N, C-alpha and C. Protein backbone atom coordinates (compact mmCIF):
# COMPACT_ATOMS: atom_id res chain seq x y z
N MET A 1 0.82 -1.19 0.00
CA MET A 1 0.00 0.00 0.00
C MET A 1 0.88 1.26 0.00
N ARG A 2 1.93 1.27 0.82
CA ARG A 2 2.83 2.42 0.88
C ARG A 2 3.50 2.63 -0.48
N THR A 3 3.83 1.56 -1.15
CA THR A 3 4.46 1.65 -2.45
C THR A 3 3.54 2.32 -3.44
N ILE A 4 2.27 1.96 -3.41
CA ILE A 4 1.29 2.56 -4.33
C ILE A 4 1.12 4.05 -4.02
N ILE A 5 1.04 4.39 -2.74
CA ILE A 5 0.87 5.80 -2.35
C ILE A 5 2.12 6.59 -2.76
N ALA A 6 3.29 6.03 -2.53
CA ALA A 6 4.53 6.71 -2.92
C ALA A 6 4.57 6.92 -4.43
N TYR A 7 4.15 5.90 -5.17
CA TYR A 7 4.13 6.01 -6.64
C TYR A 7 3.16 7.10 -7.08
N LEU A 8 1.96 7.11 -6.50
CA LEU A 8 0.96 8.11 -6.87
C LEU A 8 1.43 9.53 -6.52
N LEU A 9 2.09 9.69 -5.38
CA LEU A 9 2.63 11.00 -5.03
C LEU A 9 3.72 11.44 -6.00
N THR A 10 4.56 10.52 -6.41
CA THR A 10 5.62 10.82 -7.37
C THR A 10 5.02 11.27 -8.70
N VAL A 11 4.00 10.55 -9.15
CA VAL A 11 3.34 10.91 -10.40
C VAL A 11 2.68 12.28 -10.27
N ALA A 12 2.02 12.53 -9.14
CA ALA A 12 1.35 13.82 -8.93
C ALA A 12 2.36 14.97 -8.94
N ILE A 13 3.50 14.77 -8.29
CA ILE A 13 4.54 15.81 -8.26
C ILE A 13 5.10 16.04 -9.67
N ALA A 14 5.36 14.96 -10.38
CA ALA A 14 5.88 15.08 -11.74
C ALA A 14 4.92 15.83 -12.63
N LEU A 15 3.64 15.52 -12.50
CA LEU A 15 2.64 16.21 -13.33
C LEU A 15 2.54 17.68 -12.97
N SER A 16 2.65 18.00 -11.68
CA SER A 16 2.55 19.40 -11.31
C SER A 16 3.76 20.19 -11.77
N VAL A 17 4.95 19.58 -11.76
CA VAL A 17 6.16 20.25 -12.24
C VAL A 17 6.07 20.47 -13.74
N SER A 18 5.66 19.46 -14.50
CA SER A 18 5.56 19.63 -15.96
C SER A 18 4.46 20.63 -16.31
N GLY A 19 3.40 20.66 -15.52
CA GLY A 19 2.34 21.64 -15.75
C GLY A 19 2.83 23.05 -15.53
N THR A 20 3.68 23.24 -14.52
CA THR A 20 4.24 24.57 -14.25
C THR A 20 5.16 24.99 -15.38
N ALA A 21 5.99 24.06 -15.87
CA ALA A 21 6.88 24.40 -16.98
C ALA A 21 6.08 24.74 -18.22
N SER A 22 5.02 24.00 -18.45
CA SER A 22 4.17 24.27 -19.61
C SER A 22 3.50 25.63 -19.46
N ALA A 23 3.05 25.94 -18.25
CA ALA A 23 2.41 27.24 -18.03
C ALA A 23 3.41 28.36 -18.26
N ALA A 24 4.67 28.17 -17.84
CA ALA A 24 5.69 29.20 -18.07
C ALA A 24 5.91 29.39 -19.55
N GLY A 25 5.96 28.30 -20.31
CA GLY A 25 6.12 28.39 -21.76
C GLY A 25 4.94 29.08 -22.41
N GLN A 26 3.75 28.77 -21.94
CA GLN A 26 2.55 29.42 -22.47
C GLN A 26 2.55 30.90 -22.14
N SER A 27 3.04 31.25 -20.96
CA SER A 27 3.09 32.65 -20.56
C SER A 27 4.03 33.43 -21.48
N GLU A 28 5.20 32.88 -21.77
CA GLU A 28 6.13 33.58 -22.66
C GLU A 28 5.55 33.68 -24.07
N ALA A 29 4.93 32.63 -24.53
CA ALA A 29 4.32 32.65 -25.87
C ALA A 29 3.23 33.72 -25.93
N SER A 30 2.45 33.82 -24.88
CA SER A 30 1.39 34.83 -24.82
C SER A 30 1.99 36.24 -24.77
N ASP A 31 3.03 36.41 -23.95
CA ASP A 31 3.70 37.71 -23.86
C ASP A 31 4.32 38.10 -25.21
N ALA A 32 4.92 37.12 -25.88
CA ALA A 32 5.55 37.38 -27.18
C ALA A 32 4.50 37.77 -28.21
N ALA A 33 3.38 37.06 -28.23
CA ALA A 33 2.31 37.38 -29.17
C ALA A 33 1.77 38.78 -28.91
N ASP A 34 1.58 39.10 -27.64
CA ASP A 34 1.11 40.44 -27.28
C ASP A 34 2.10 41.50 -27.73
N PHE A 35 3.39 41.25 -27.51
CA PHE A 35 4.44 42.21 -27.88
C PHE A 35 4.46 42.47 -29.38
N VAL A 36 4.52 41.40 -30.19
CA VAL A 36 4.62 41.61 -31.65
C VAL A 36 3.35 42.21 -32.21
N SER A 37 2.22 41.92 -31.60
CA SER A 37 0.96 42.52 -32.05
C SER A 37 0.89 44.00 -31.66
N ARG A 38 1.19 44.29 -30.41
CA ARG A 38 1.12 45.66 -29.90
C ARG A 38 2.09 46.60 -30.61
N THR A 39 3.27 46.09 -30.97
CA THR A 39 4.28 46.92 -31.62
C THR A 39 4.09 46.99 -33.14
N GLY A 40 3.16 46.21 -33.68
CA GLY A 40 2.91 46.22 -35.11
C GLY A 40 3.90 45.39 -35.92
N ILE A 41 4.73 44.61 -35.24
CA ILE A 41 5.67 43.75 -35.95
C ILE A 41 4.92 42.64 -36.67
N MET A 42 3.92 42.08 -36.01
CA MET A 42 3.11 41.02 -36.61
C MET A 42 1.65 41.48 -36.58
N VAL A 43 1.03 41.46 -37.74
CA VAL A 43 -0.34 41.90 -37.87
C VAL A 43 -1.20 40.69 -38.19
N GLY A 44 -2.31 40.59 -37.56
CA GLY A 44 -3.21 39.47 -37.80
C GLY A 44 -4.08 39.67 -39.02
N ASP A 45 -4.95 38.71 -39.24
CA ASP A 45 -5.89 38.82 -40.35
C ASP A 45 -6.99 39.81 -40.00
N GLU A 46 -8.04 39.85 -40.79
CA GLU A 46 -9.11 40.81 -40.56
C GLU A 46 -9.80 40.62 -39.21
N ASN A 47 -9.64 39.43 -38.59
CA ASN A 47 -10.20 39.17 -37.26
C ASN A 47 -9.16 39.33 -36.15
N GLY A 48 -7.95 39.74 -36.52
CA GLY A 48 -6.90 39.90 -35.53
C GLY A 48 -6.14 38.62 -35.20
N ASP A 49 -6.45 37.52 -35.88
CA ASP A 49 -5.78 36.25 -35.63
C ASP A 49 -4.36 36.30 -36.18
N LEU A 50 -3.38 36.08 -35.32
CA LEU A 50 -1.97 36.10 -35.73
C LEU A 50 -1.52 34.80 -36.38
N ALA A 51 -2.36 33.79 -36.37
CA ALA A 51 -2.05 32.48 -36.97
C ALA A 51 -0.69 31.97 -36.48
N LEU A 52 -0.52 31.95 -35.17
CA LEU A 52 0.77 31.61 -34.57
C LEU A 52 1.20 30.17 -34.82
N ASP A 53 0.27 29.30 -35.14
CA ASP A 53 0.62 27.91 -35.42
C ASP A 53 0.98 27.67 -36.89
N ALA A 54 0.77 28.66 -37.72
CA ALA A 54 1.06 28.52 -39.16
C ALA A 54 2.56 28.59 -39.40
N SER A 55 3.01 27.87 -40.42
CA SER A 55 4.44 27.94 -40.75
C SER A 55 4.75 29.33 -41.31
N LEU A 56 6.00 29.72 -41.16
CA LEU A 56 6.45 31.04 -41.60
C LEU A 56 7.21 30.89 -42.91
N THR A 57 6.87 31.71 -43.89
CA THR A 57 7.57 31.68 -45.17
C THR A 57 8.68 32.73 -45.17
N ARG A 58 9.57 32.61 -46.13
CA ARG A 58 10.67 33.58 -46.24
C ARG A 58 10.16 34.97 -46.59
N ALA A 59 9.08 35.08 -47.35
CA ALA A 59 8.50 36.40 -47.64
C ALA A 59 7.93 37.02 -46.37
N GLU A 60 7.23 36.21 -45.56
CA GLU A 60 6.68 36.72 -44.30
C GLU A 60 7.81 37.10 -43.34
N LEU A 61 8.87 36.33 -43.36
CA LEU A 61 10.02 36.65 -42.52
C LEU A 61 10.57 38.03 -42.86
N ALA A 62 10.65 38.34 -44.14
CA ALA A 62 11.15 39.66 -44.56
C ALA A 62 10.27 40.78 -44.01
N VAL A 63 8.96 40.56 -43.98
CA VAL A 63 8.04 41.56 -43.44
C VAL A 63 8.32 41.78 -41.95
N LEU A 64 8.42 40.68 -41.21
CA LEU A 64 8.65 40.77 -39.77
C LEU A 64 9.99 41.43 -39.45
N LEU A 65 11.01 41.06 -40.20
CA LEU A 65 12.34 41.65 -39.96
C LEU A 65 12.36 43.14 -40.27
N THR A 66 11.69 43.53 -41.34
CA THR A 66 11.63 44.95 -41.69
C THR A 66 10.96 45.74 -40.58
N ARG A 67 9.86 45.22 -40.06
CA ARG A 67 9.14 45.92 -39.00
C ARG A 67 9.93 45.94 -37.69
N PHE A 68 10.62 44.85 -37.40
CA PHE A 68 11.42 44.78 -36.16
C PHE A 68 12.67 45.64 -36.26
N HIS A 69 13.40 45.52 -37.34
CA HIS A 69 14.67 46.23 -37.53
C HIS A 69 14.44 47.71 -37.84
N GLY A 70 13.48 47.98 -38.72
CA GLY A 70 13.25 49.35 -39.17
C GLY A 70 12.35 50.17 -38.29
N GLY A 71 11.53 49.50 -37.49
CA GLY A 71 10.62 50.22 -36.62
C GLY A 71 9.45 50.81 -37.38
N SER A 72 8.65 51.58 -36.69
CA SER A 72 7.42 52.11 -37.29
C SER A 72 7.70 53.26 -38.25
N GLY A 73 8.87 53.85 -38.19
CA GLY A 73 9.17 54.99 -39.04
C GLY A 73 9.66 54.61 -40.44
N ILE A 74 9.88 53.34 -40.67
CA ILE A 74 10.42 52.91 -41.96
C ILE A 74 9.33 52.87 -43.03
N GLU A 75 9.68 53.28 -44.22
CA GLU A 75 8.79 53.17 -45.37
C GLU A 75 9.42 52.15 -46.32
N PRO A 76 9.04 50.87 -46.17
CA PRO A 76 9.72 49.82 -46.93
C PRO A 76 9.61 49.97 -48.44
N GLU A 77 8.58 50.65 -48.91
CA GLU A 77 8.40 50.76 -50.37
C GLU A 77 9.58 51.43 -51.07
N ILE A 78 10.33 52.24 -50.35
CA ILE A 78 11.49 52.87 -50.99
C ILE A 78 12.64 51.90 -51.21
N TYR A 79 12.50 50.68 -50.71
CA TYR A 79 13.55 49.67 -50.86
C TYR A 79 13.27 48.66 -51.96
N SER A 80 12.23 48.86 -52.72
CA SER A 80 11.92 47.92 -53.81
C SER A 80 13.09 47.77 -54.77
N TRP A 81 13.86 48.84 -54.96
CA TRP A 81 15.01 48.80 -55.87
C TRP A 81 16.02 47.73 -55.49
N ALA A 82 16.10 47.41 -54.18
CA ALA A 82 17.11 46.46 -53.71
C ALA A 82 16.68 45.01 -53.86
N CYS A 83 15.43 44.79 -54.26
CA CYS A 83 14.95 43.43 -54.45
C CYS A 83 15.19 43.04 -55.90
N TYR A 84 16.31 42.42 -56.15
CA TYR A 84 16.66 42.00 -57.51
C TYR A 84 16.28 40.55 -57.79
N TYR A 85 15.61 39.92 -56.84
CA TYR A 85 15.20 38.52 -57.02
C TYR A 85 14.01 38.45 -57.96
N THR A 86 14.05 37.50 -58.85
CA THR A 86 13.02 37.39 -59.89
C THR A 86 11.78 36.64 -59.43
N ASP A 87 11.84 35.96 -58.29
CA ASP A 87 10.71 35.14 -57.85
C ASP A 87 9.90 35.75 -56.70
N VAL A 88 10.19 36.99 -56.34
CA VAL A 88 9.49 37.63 -55.22
C VAL A 88 8.22 38.32 -55.74
N PRO A 89 7.06 38.04 -55.12
CA PRO A 89 5.83 38.69 -55.55
C PRO A 89 5.87 40.19 -55.24
N ASP A 90 5.10 40.95 -55.98
CA ASP A 90 5.10 42.41 -55.83
C ASP A 90 4.87 42.86 -54.40
N TRP A 91 3.93 42.23 -53.69
CA TRP A 91 3.60 42.67 -52.33
C TRP A 91 4.80 42.55 -51.38
N ALA A 92 5.74 41.67 -51.67
CA ALA A 92 6.86 41.43 -50.76
C ALA A 92 8.16 42.11 -51.19
N LYS A 93 8.21 42.69 -52.40
CA LYS A 93 9.46 43.24 -52.92
C LYS A 93 10.06 44.32 -52.03
N SER A 94 9.25 45.19 -51.49
CA SER A 94 9.81 46.26 -50.66
C SER A 94 10.40 45.70 -49.36
N TYR A 95 9.79 44.68 -48.80
CA TYR A 95 10.30 44.09 -47.56
C TYR A 95 11.57 43.28 -47.81
N VAL A 96 11.56 42.48 -48.86
CA VAL A 96 12.77 41.72 -49.21
C VAL A 96 13.87 42.69 -49.60
N GLY A 97 13.51 43.76 -50.30
CA GLY A 97 14.49 44.79 -50.66
C GLY A 97 15.10 45.44 -49.43
N TYR A 98 14.28 45.78 -48.45
CA TYR A 98 14.79 46.37 -47.21
C TYR A 98 15.78 45.42 -46.54
N CYS A 99 15.40 44.15 -46.43
CA CYS A 99 16.26 43.16 -45.77
C CYS A 99 17.54 42.91 -46.55
N THR A 100 17.45 42.97 -47.87
CA THR A 100 18.64 42.80 -48.71
C THR A 100 19.57 44.00 -48.54
N ALA A 101 19.02 45.21 -48.61
CA ALA A 101 19.82 46.43 -48.49
C ALA A 101 20.49 46.53 -47.12
N ASN A 102 19.86 45.97 -46.10
CA ASN A 102 20.41 46.03 -44.75
C ASN A 102 21.16 44.75 -44.35
N LEU A 103 21.43 43.91 -45.34
CA LEU A 103 22.23 42.69 -45.16
C LEU A 103 21.65 41.75 -44.11
N LEU A 104 20.32 41.68 -44.06
CA LEU A 104 19.66 40.78 -43.11
C LEU A 104 19.33 39.43 -43.73
N LEU A 105 19.02 39.42 -45.03
CA LEU A 105 18.63 38.19 -45.72
C LEU A 105 19.44 38.02 -47.00
N ASN A 106 19.61 36.77 -47.38
CA ASN A 106 20.25 36.43 -48.64
C ASN A 106 19.33 35.54 -49.45
N GLY A 107 19.54 35.56 -50.75
CA GLY A 107 18.82 34.65 -51.62
C GLY A 107 19.62 33.38 -51.82
N TYR A 108 19.16 32.58 -52.76
CA TYR A 108 19.79 31.30 -53.03
C TYR A 108 20.81 31.35 -54.16
N GLY A 109 20.90 32.45 -54.87
CA GLY A 109 21.74 32.53 -56.06
C GLY A 109 20.86 32.51 -57.29
N ASP A 110 21.44 32.82 -58.44
CA ASP A 110 20.69 32.87 -59.70
C ASP A 110 19.46 33.77 -59.59
N SER A 111 19.55 34.83 -58.82
CA SER A 111 18.48 35.81 -58.62
C SER A 111 17.21 35.20 -58.03
N LEU A 112 17.35 34.13 -57.23
CA LEU A 112 16.20 33.49 -56.60
C LEU A 112 16.25 33.70 -55.09
N TYR A 113 15.08 33.97 -54.54
CA TYR A 113 14.95 34.19 -53.10
C TYR A 113 14.19 33.06 -52.40
N GLY A 114 13.20 32.47 -53.06
CA GLY A 114 12.40 31.42 -52.43
C GLY A 114 11.39 31.98 -51.45
N PRO A 115 10.54 32.91 -51.88
CA PRO A 115 9.63 33.60 -50.95
C PRO A 115 8.63 32.69 -50.25
N TYR A 116 8.28 31.57 -50.85
CA TYR A 116 7.27 30.68 -50.25
C TYR A 116 7.90 29.49 -49.55
N ASP A 117 9.24 29.45 -49.51
CA ASP A 117 9.92 28.37 -48.80
C ASP A 117 9.74 28.57 -47.30
N PRO A 118 9.67 27.46 -46.56
CA PRO A 118 9.54 27.60 -45.11
C PRO A 118 10.85 28.09 -44.48
N VAL A 119 10.71 28.84 -43.42
CA VAL A 119 11.86 29.31 -42.64
C VAL A 119 12.25 28.20 -41.69
N THR A 120 13.54 27.92 -41.58
CA THR A 120 14.02 26.92 -40.65
C THR A 120 14.55 27.61 -39.39
N VAL A 121 14.77 26.82 -38.35
CA VAL A 121 15.32 27.34 -37.11
C VAL A 121 16.67 28.00 -37.38
N GLN A 122 17.49 27.38 -38.21
CA GLN A 122 18.81 27.93 -38.51
C GLN A 122 18.70 29.29 -39.22
N MET A 123 17.77 29.40 -40.17
CA MET A 123 17.56 30.68 -40.84
C MET A 123 17.10 31.74 -39.85
N ALA A 124 16.14 31.38 -39.00
CA ALA A 124 15.58 32.35 -38.04
C ALA A 124 16.64 32.83 -37.06
N CYS A 125 17.45 31.91 -36.55
CA CYS A 125 18.51 32.30 -35.62
C CYS A 125 19.53 33.20 -36.31
N THR A 126 19.88 32.86 -37.54
CA THR A 126 20.86 33.65 -38.29
C THR A 126 20.40 35.09 -38.48
N VAL A 127 19.18 35.28 -38.93
CA VAL A 127 18.73 36.65 -39.19
C VAL A 127 18.55 37.44 -37.91
N MET A 128 18.12 36.80 -36.83
CA MET A 128 17.99 37.52 -35.57
C MET A 128 19.36 37.93 -35.05
N LEU A 129 20.35 37.05 -35.21
CA LEU A 129 21.70 37.41 -34.77
C LEU A 129 22.29 38.52 -35.63
N ARG A 130 21.93 38.57 -36.90
CA ARG A 130 22.41 39.66 -37.75
C ARG A 130 21.89 41.00 -37.26
N ILE A 131 20.75 40.99 -36.62
CA ILE A 131 20.17 42.23 -36.10
C ILE A 131 20.77 42.58 -34.74
N ILE A 132 20.89 41.61 -33.84
CA ILE A 132 21.22 41.95 -32.46
C ILE A 132 22.66 41.68 -32.04
N ASP A 133 23.43 40.93 -32.84
CA ASP A 133 24.78 40.57 -32.39
C ASP A 133 25.76 40.63 -33.56
N LYS A 134 26.48 41.70 -33.62
CA LYS A 134 27.45 41.90 -34.71
C LYS A 134 28.85 41.48 -34.28
N SER A 135 28.95 40.65 -33.26
CA SER A 135 30.26 40.27 -32.69
C SER A 135 31.12 39.46 -33.65
N GLY A 136 30.50 38.76 -34.57
CA GLY A 136 31.27 37.93 -35.48
C GLY A 136 31.69 36.61 -34.86
N GLY A 137 31.18 36.30 -33.67
CA GLY A 137 31.52 35.06 -32.99
C GLY A 137 30.68 33.88 -33.42
N TRP A 138 29.99 34.01 -34.53
CA TRP A 138 29.11 32.95 -35.01
C TRP A 138 29.02 33.06 -36.52
N ASP A 139 28.53 32.02 -37.16
CA ASP A 139 28.24 32.04 -38.60
C ASP A 139 26.98 31.20 -38.83
N TYR A 140 26.61 31.01 -40.08
CA TYR A 140 25.37 30.29 -40.37
C TYR A 140 25.39 28.90 -39.75
N GLY A 141 26.53 28.24 -39.77
CA GLY A 141 26.63 26.89 -39.23
C GLY A 141 26.55 26.82 -37.71
N THR A 142 26.89 27.90 -37.03
CA THR A 142 26.88 27.90 -35.57
C THR A 142 25.81 28.82 -34.97
N ALA A 143 24.96 29.38 -35.82
CA ALA A 143 23.95 30.34 -35.36
C ALA A 143 23.04 29.76 -34.28
N CYS A 144 22.60 28.51 -34.46
CA CYS A 144 21.68 27.93 -33.48
C CYS A 144 22.35 27.71 -32.13
N SER A 145 23.54 27.18 -32.12
CA SER A 145 24.22 26.95 -30.85
C SER A 145 24.55 28.28 -30.17
N TYR A 146 24.94 29.29 -30.94
CA TYR A 146 25.22 30.59 -30.36
C TYR A 146 23.93 31.22 -29.82
N ALA A 147 22.84 31.08 -30.56
CA ALA A 147 21.55 31.60 -30.10
C ALA A 147 21.14 30.94 -28.79
N GLN A 148 21.44 29.67 -28.63
CA GLN A 148 21.16 28.98 -27.36
C GLN A 148 22.04 29.55 -26.25
N GLU A 149 23.30 29.79 -26.54
CA GLU A 149 24.23 30.32 -25.54
C GLU A 149 23.77 31.66 -24.98
N ILE A 150 23.22 32.51 -25.84
CA ILE A 150 22.84 33.85 -25.39
C ILE A 150 21.37 33.94 -24.98
N GLY A 151 20.67 32.82 -25.02
CA GLY A 151 19.29 32.79 -24.54
C GLY A 151 18.20 33.09 -25.55
N LEU A 152 18.54 33.18 -26.82
CA LEU A 152 17.50 33.39 -27.83
C LEU A 152 16.72 32.11 -28.08
N LEU A 153 17.43 31.01 -28.12
CA LEU A 153 16.84 29.71 -28.40
C LEU A 153 17.04 28.88 -27.15
N LYS A 154 15.95 28.57 -26.47
CA LYS A 154 16.07 27.92 -25.17
C LYS A 154 16.04 26.40 -25.22
N GLN A 155 15.77 25.84 -26.34
CA GLN A 155 15.73 24.38 -26.40
C GLN A 155 16.60 23.88 -27.53
N ASP A 156 17.00 22.65 -27.41
CA ASP A 156 17.85 22.06 -28.43
C ASP A 156 16.97 21.61 -29.60
N THR A 157 16.68 22.53 -30.49
CA THR A 157 15.83 22.27 -31.63
C THR A 157 16.69 22.01 -32.85
N PRO A 158 16.39 20.97 -33.61
CA PRO A 158 17.17 20.71 -34.82
C PRO A 158 17.15 21.92 -35.76
N PRO A 159 18.31 22.33 -36.28
CA PRO A 159 18.41 23.53 -37.13
C PRO A 159 17.51 23.50 -38.36
N GLY A 160 17.20 22.32 -38.87
CA GLY A 160 16.39 22.22 -40.08
C GLY A 160 14.90 22.20 -39.84
N ASP A 161 14.47 22.21 -38.57
CA ASP A 161 13.04 22.19 -38.28
C ASP A 161 12.38 23.48 -38.77
N PRO A 162 11.14 23.39 -39.23
CA PRO A 162 10.43 24.60 -39.67
C PRO A 162 10.04 25.48 -38.48
N VAL A 163 9.93 26.76 -38.74
CA VAL A 163 9.56 27.75 -37.73
C VAL A 163 8.12 28.19 -37.98
N THR A 164 7.35 28.27 -36.91
CA THR A 164 6.00 28.81 -37.03
C THR A 164 6.04 30.31 -36.77
N ARG A 165 4.92 30.95 -37.05
CA ARG A 165 4.81 32.39 -36.76
C ARG A 165 4.96 32.64 -35.25
N GLY A 166 4.44 31.71 -34.45
CA GLY A 166 4.57 31.81 -32.99
C GLY A 166 6.01 31.67 -32.53
N ASP A 167 6.74 30.71 -33.14
CA ASP A 167 8.16 30.55 -32.82
C ASP A 167 8.92 31.84 -33.10
N MET A 168 8.62 32.46 -34.24
CA MET A 168 9.32 33.69 -34.61
C MET A 168 8.94 34.83 -33.68
N ALA A 169 7.69 34.86 -33.24
CA ALA A 169 7.28 35.89 -32.28
C ALA A 169 8.11 35.77 -31.01
N ILE A 170 8.35 34.55 -30.56
CA ILE A 170 9.16 34.34 -29.36
C ILE A 170 10.60 34.76 -29.59
N LEU A 171 11.17 34.42 -30.75
CA LEU A 171 12.55 34.84 -31.05
C LEU A 171 12.66 36.37 -31.07
N ILE A 172 11.71 37.03 -31.67
CA ILE A 172 11.72 38.50 -31.72
C ILE A 172 11.59 39.07 -30.31
N TYR A 173 10.71 38.51 -29.52
CA TYR A 173 10.49 38.94 -28.14
C TYR A 173 11.78 38.80 -27.32
N ARG A 174 12.43 37.65 -27.44
CA ARG A 174 13.68 37.41 -26.70
C ARG A 174 14.79 38.34 -27.20
N ALA A 175 14.84 38.57 -28.50
CA ALA A 175 15.86 39.47 -29.05
C ALA A 175 15.65 40.89 -28.52
N TYR A 176 14.42 41.33 -28.49
CA TYR A 176 14.13 42.67 -27.96
C TYR A 176 14.55 42.76 -26.50
N GLN A 177 14.24 41.74 -25.71
CA GLN A 177 14.63 41.74 -24.30
C GLN A 177 16.14 41.78 -24.13
N ARG A 178 16.85 41.13 -25.04
CA ARG A 178 18.32 41.11 -24.96
C ARG A 178 18.90 42.48 -25.30
N VAL A 179 18.35 43.13 -26.32
CA VAL A 179 18.88 44.42 -26.76
C VAL A 179 18.44 45.55 -25.82
N TYR A 180 17.21 45.47 -25.35
CA TYR A 180 16.65 46.53 -24.50
C TYR A 180 16.18 45.95 -23.17
N PRO A 181 17.08 45.46 -22.33
CA PRO A 181 16.65 44.78 -21.10
C PRO A 181 15.91 45.69 -20.12
N ALA A 182 16.19 46.96 -20.14
CA ALA A 182 15.56 47.87 -19.19
C ALA A 182 14.27 48.49 -19.71
N MET A 183 13.98 48.29 -20.97
CA MET A 183 12.79 48.90 -21.58
C MET A 183 11.55 48.11 -21.17
N PRO A 184 10.46 48.80 -20.91
CA PRO A 184 9.22 48.08 -20.60
C PRO A 184 8.71 47.37 -21.85
N MET A 185 8.15 46.22 -21.64
CA MET A 185 7.60 45.44 -22.75
C MET A 185 6.16 45.84 -22.88
């Protein structure tokens, strides 16, 4: 009987600890979503839905980076000239142009950008580090491990895994906290 009670208590404690960790993760995700929405970095659909579970494309990434890096005062349309990629749709040219002119994003070569390709963890870490860490202590191959070291990426996620809009919101939120630790969120 004591063995059963001890086992049940162990299970109950384990469940309460994992529930707390999950709640902490949910809290950060909620804070990140609120931050990117409130600052205008990520805009929802006509109902305000940010579609945080949807995968993030390279064209959408350019929009988010332009808004995060350039702030509200930027007029991305003046950067259309810098988008020399032949596969970028008109609506995204100014954002991809801004990111190209500011050395935040690269294409694949042969004037191709891949606007509808999914963003991977490695791509997301690389572009965020290009914005917040110019130390040169990392490169594309080490971006994920360096992002983990500085607290941008808190879990050991395979570099090739796709990034959702919610994942990117969290990366942006953490990057902002790193650059502006004393600023109110």
